[in-house]
C-alpha atoms as a PDB file:
ATOM      1  CA  MET A   1      12.210  18.101   6.614  1.00  0.00           C
ATOM      2  CA  LEU A   2      13.436  14.823   4.826  1.00  0.00           C
ATOM      3  CA  SER A   3      16.063  13.029   5.970  1.00  0.00           C
ATOM      4  CA  LEU A   4      17.725   9.269   5.808  1.00  0.00           C
ATOM      5  CA  ASP A   5      19.910   7.733   8.589  1.00  0.00           C
ATOM      6  CA  GLY A   6      20.257   3.891   9.733  1.00  0.00           C
ATOM      7  CA  ASP A   7      20.653   1.139   7.526  1.00  0.00           C
ATOM      8  CA  TYR A   8      19.937   1.619   3.650  1.00  0.00           C
ATOM      9  CA  GLN A   9      19.955  -1.963   2.597  1.00  0.00           C
ATOM     10  CA  MET A  10      17.396  -3.640   0.659  1.00  0.00           C
ATOM     11  CA  LYS A  11      16.086  -7.064   0.796  1.00  0.00           C
ATOM     12  CA  ILE A  12      13.951  -9.227  -1.374  1.00  0.00           C
ATOM     13  CA  LEU A  13      11.439 -11.226   0.399  1.00  0.00           C
ATOM     14  CA  ASN A  14       9.166 -13.587  -1.808  1.00  0.00           C
ATOM     15  CA  ASN A  15       9.803 -11.830  -4.678  1.00  0.00           C
ATOM     16  CA  LYS A  16       8.979  -8.532  -3.209  1.00  0.00           C
ATOM     17  CA  VAL A  17      11.493  -5.719  -2.139  1.00  0.00           C
ATOM     18  CA  ILE A  18      11.308  -4.530   1.213  1.00  0.00           C
ATOM     19  CA  PHE A  19      12.547  -1.581   2.420  1.00  0.00           C
ATOM     20  CA  PRO A  20      14.779  -0.906   5.465  1.00  0.00           C
ATOM     21  CA  SER A  21      12.156   1.339   7.690  1.00  0.00           C
ATOM     22  CA  SER A  22      14.561   4.544   7.558  1.00  0.00           C
ATOM     23  CA  ILE A  23      13.736   4.607   3.762  1.00  0.00           C
ATOM     24  CA  GLU A  24      10.371   3.968   4.435  1.00  0.00           C
ATOM     25  CA  LYS A  25       9.693   6.639   6.159  1.00  0.00           C
ATOM     26  CA  PHE A  26      11.898   9.274   3.391  1.00  0.00           C
ATOM     27  CA  ILE A  27       9.581   7.583   1.044  1.00  0.00           C
ATOM     28  CA  ASP A  28       6.660   8.283   2.466  1.00  0.00           C
ATOM     29  CA  GLU A  29       7.021  11.697   3.523  1.00  0.00           C
ATOM     30  CA  LEU A  30       8.549  12.248  -0.127  1.00  0.00           C
ATOM     31  CA  PHE A  31       5.063  11.077  -1.956  1.00  0.00           C
ATOM     32  CA  PHE A  32       2.929  12.516   0.760  1.00  0.00           C
ATOM     33  CA  VAL A  33       3.949  16.054  -0.844  1.00  0.00           C
ATOM     34  CA  VAL A  34       3.740  15.203  -4.242  1.00  0.00           C
ATOM     35  CA  GLN A  35       0.884  12.158  -3.897  1.00  0.00           C
ATOM     36  CA  GLU A  36      -2.818  12.864  -3.759  1.00  0.00           C
ATOM     37  CA  ARG A  37      -4.135  10.338  -1.459  1.00  0.00           C
ATOM     38  CA  ALA A  38      -7.321   9.757   0.389  1.00  0.00           C
ATOM     39  CA  LYS A  39      -7.569   8.322   4.089  1.00  0.00           C
ATOM     40  CA  VAL A  40     -11.214   5.799   3.351  1.00  0.00           C
ATOM     41  CA  GLY A  41     -11.306   4.448   6.806  1.00  0.00           C
ATOM     42  CA  GLU A  42      -9.836   3.193   9.796  1.00  0.00           C
ATOM     43  CA  TYR A  43      -9.980   0.255  12.015  1.00  0.00           C
ATOM     44  CA  LYS A  44      -8.354  -0.762  15.113  1.00  0.00           C
ATOM     45  CA  GLU A  45      -5.835   1.679  14.407  1.00  0.00           C
ATOM     46  CA  ILE A  46      -5.354   0.413  11.170  1.00  0.00           C
ATOM     47  CA  LYS A  47      -5.478   3.527   8.331  1.00  0.00           C
ATOM     48  CA  PHE A  48      -6.690   2.334   4.993  1.00  0.00           C
ATOM     49  CA  VAL A  49      -5.715   4.944   2.152  1.00  0.00           C
ATOM     50  CA  VAL A  50      -6.229   4.984  -1.841  1.00  0.00           C
ATOM     51  CA  TYR A  51      -3.872   7.132  -3.525  1.00  0.00           C
ATOM     52  CA  ALA A  52      -4.156   8.792  -7.001  1.00  0.00           C
ATOM     53  CA  GLY A  53      -2.277   7.453  -9.830  1.00  0.00           C
ATOM     54  CA  ASP A  54      -1.543   4.045  -8.467  1.00  0.00           C
ATOM     55  CA  HIS A  55      -0.957   0.548 -10.458  1.00  0.00           C
ATOM     56  CA  ASN A  56      -3.116  -2.354 -10.968  1.00  0.00           C
ATOM     57  CA  PRO A  57      -4.411  -4.299  -9.457  1.00  0.00           C
ATOM     58  CA  PRO A  58      -6.710  -2.349  -7.588  1.00  0.00           C
ATOM     59  CA  HIS A  59      -5.578  -2.625  -4.018  1.00  0.00           C
ATOM     60  CA  ILE A  60      -5.637  -0.298  -0.568  1.00  0.00           C
ATOM     61  CA  HIS A  61      -2.820   0.565   1.565  1.00  0.00           C
ATOM     62  CA  CYS A  62      -3.518  -0.391   5.005  1.00  0.00           C
ATOM     63  CA  LYS A  63      -0.869   1.366   7.522  1.00  0.00           C
ATOM     64  CA  TYR A  64      -0.266   0.638  11.413  1.00  0.00           C
ATOM     65  CA  ASP A  65       3.133   2.200  13.186  1.00  0.00           C
ATOM     66  CA  LYS A  66       5.583   1.883  10.626  1.00  0.00           C
ATOM     67  CA  TYR A  67       3.456  -0.696   8.916  1.00  0.00           C
ATOM     68  CA  GLU A  68       2.134  -1.006   6.005  1.00  0.00           C
ATOM     69  CA  ILE A  69       0.782  -3.092   3.324  1.00  0.00           C
ATOM     70  CA  LYS A  70      -1.095  -3.238  -0.202  1.00  0.00           C
ATOM     71  CA  ILE A  71      -4.087  -5.635  -0.053  1.00  0.00           C
ATOM     72  CA  SER A  72      -5.766  -6.993  -3.754  1.00  0.00           C
ATOM     73  CA  LEU A  73      -9.202  -5.671  -4.124  1.00  0.00           C
ATOM     74  CA  ASP A  74      -9.801  -8.525  -6.360  1.00  0.00           C
ATOM     75  CA  ASP A  75      -8.464 -11.513  -4.070  1.00  0.00           C
ATOM     76  CA  PHE A  76      -7.836  -9.609  -0.565  1.00  0.00           C
ATOM     77  CA  SER A  77      -4.071 -10.876  -1.070  1.00  0.00           C
ATOM     78  CA  VAL A  78      -1.318  -9.151   0.550  1.00  0.00           C
ATOM     79  CA  ILE A  79       0.384  -8.090  -2.559  1.00  0.00           C
ATOM     80  CA  TYR A  80       3.185  -5.771  -0.517  1.00  0.00           C
ATOM     81  CA  MET A  81       4.468  -5.650   2.968  1.00  0.00           C
ATOM     82  CA  SER A  82       7.061  -3.440   4.552  1.00  0.00           C
ATOM     83  CA  HIS A  83       8.553  -5.327   7.324  1.00  0.00           C
ATOM     84  CA  LYS A  84       6.530  -7.891   9.328  1.00  0.00           C
ATOM     85  CA  PHE A  85       2.998  -6.567   9.202  1.00  0.00           C
ATOM     86  CA  PRO A  86       1.657  -8.203  13.104  1.00  0.00           C
ATOM     87  CA  SER A  87      -0.513 -10.737  12.228  1.00  0.00           C
ATOM     88  CA  LYS A  88      -3.561  -9.819  14.392  1.00  0.00           C
ATOM     89  CA  ARG A  89      -3.788  -6.224  12.563  1.00  0.00           C
ATOM     90  CA  LEU A  90      -3.529  -8.294   9.329  1.00  0.00           C
ATOM     91  CA  GLN A  91      -6.684 -10.439  10.210  1.00  0.00           C
ATOM     92  CA  PHE A  92      -8.268  -7.276  11.003  1.00  0.00           C
ATOM     93  CA  ALA A  93      -7.369  -5.420   7.983  1.00  0.00           C
ATOM     94  CA  LYS A  94      -8.370  -8.230   5.700  1.00  0.00           C
ATOM     95  CA  ILE A  95     -11.589  -8.384   7.416  1.00  0.00           C
ATOM     96  CA  TRP A  96     -12.081  -4.681   7.210  1.00  0.00           C
ATOM     97  CA  VAL A  97     -11.346  -4.953   3.289  1.00  0.00           C
ATOM     98  CA  LYS A  98     -13.483  -7.343   2.491  1.00  0.00           C
ATOM     99  CA  GLU A  99     -16.347  -6.312   4.168  1.00  0.00           C
ATOM    100  CA  ASN A 100     -15.960  -2.563   2.473  1.00  0.00           C
ATOM    101  CA  LYS A 101     -14.520  -3.691  -1.323  1.00  0.00           C
ATOM    102  CA  GLU A 102     -18.072  -2.279  -2.862  1.00  0.00           C
ATOM    103  CA  LYS A 103     -16.723   1.305  -1.055  1.00  0.00           C
ATOM    104  CA  LEU A 104     -12.969   0.797  -1.569  1.00  0.00           C
ATOM    105  CA  MET A 105     -13.481  -0.382  -5.027  1.00  0.00           C
ATOM    106  CA  LYS A 106     -15.218   2.879  -5.939  1.00  0.00           C
ATOM    107  CA  GLU A 107     -12.779   5.177  -4.116  1.00  0.00           C
ATOM    108  CA  TRP A 108      -9.849   3.299  -6.152  1.00  0.00           C
ATOM    109  CA  THR A 109     -11.954   3.746  -9.341  1.00  0.00           C
ATOM    110  CA  LYS A 110     -12.556   7.373  -8.388  1.00  0.00           C
ATOM    111  CA  TYR A 111      -8.748   8.240  -7.772  1.00  0.00           C
ATOM    112  CA  ASN A 112      -7.278   5.758 -10.109  1.00  0.00           C
ATOM    113  CA  VAL A 113      -9.680   5.539 -13.692  1.00  0.00           C
ATOM    114  CA  ASP A 114     -11.971   8.433 -13.375  1.00  0.00           C
ATOM    115  CA  GLY A 115      -9.000  10.435 -12.264  1.00  0.00           C
ATOM    116  CA  ILE A 116      -5.395  11.073 -13.617  1.00  0.00           C
ATOM    117  CA  GLY A 117      -4.954   7.615 -14.543  1.00  0.00           C
ATOM    118  CA  VAL A 118      -3.277   3.727 -13.892  1.00  0.00           C
ATOM    119  CA  SER A 119      -0.263   2.567 -14.452  1.00  0.00           C
ATOM    120  CA  GLU A 120       0.509  -1.168 -14.691  1.00  0.00           C
ATOM    121  CA  GLU A 121       3.706  -1.185 -12.566  1.00  0.00           C
ATOM    122  CA  SER A 122       4.491   1.289  -9.859  1.00  0.00           C
ATOM    123  CA  TYR A 123       6.995   4.040  -9.736  1.00  0.00           C
ATOM    124  CA  LEU A 124       9.315   2.359  -7.487  1.00  0.00           C
ATOM    125  CA  ASP A 125       9.094  -0.875  -9.598  1.00  0.00           C
ATOM    126  CA  ARG A 126      10.129   0.731 -12.854  1.00  0.00           C
ATOM    127  CA  GLU A 127      13.090   2.474 -10.992  1.00  0.00           C
ATOM    128  CA  ILE A 128      14.216  -1.531  -9.553  1.00  0.00           C
ATOM    129  CA  LYS A 129      14.226  -2.972 -13.212  1.00  0.00           C
ATOM    130  CA  ARG A 130      16.720  -0.342 -14.611  1.00  0.00           C
END
């Protein structure tokens, strides 16, 4: 069952929207139902996931506990962070993504370019601009 509880205030940090954990969990559960995704690896308890129909630039979702980041496959920069991703885990995630860039780019392309398509921005980005 999807439910919301707790603090609902969003924050903006470095021009990025940071959602409260209850909203993040709700969105994650909601989109799990409607969005195809593939787990492409795991390292040091960090799960690496590619979503179908995701936005540019090509990136990988890295999930650890209640935290999530998106790492660009172009330059390995963090393009999204929910909460403060633990710094040691962030280092592990970047190392793994760099070492597996070719495999990850193939998976991202399979789910986004060869699959149902890719948009320049995510659904949430479009909704926030309204």
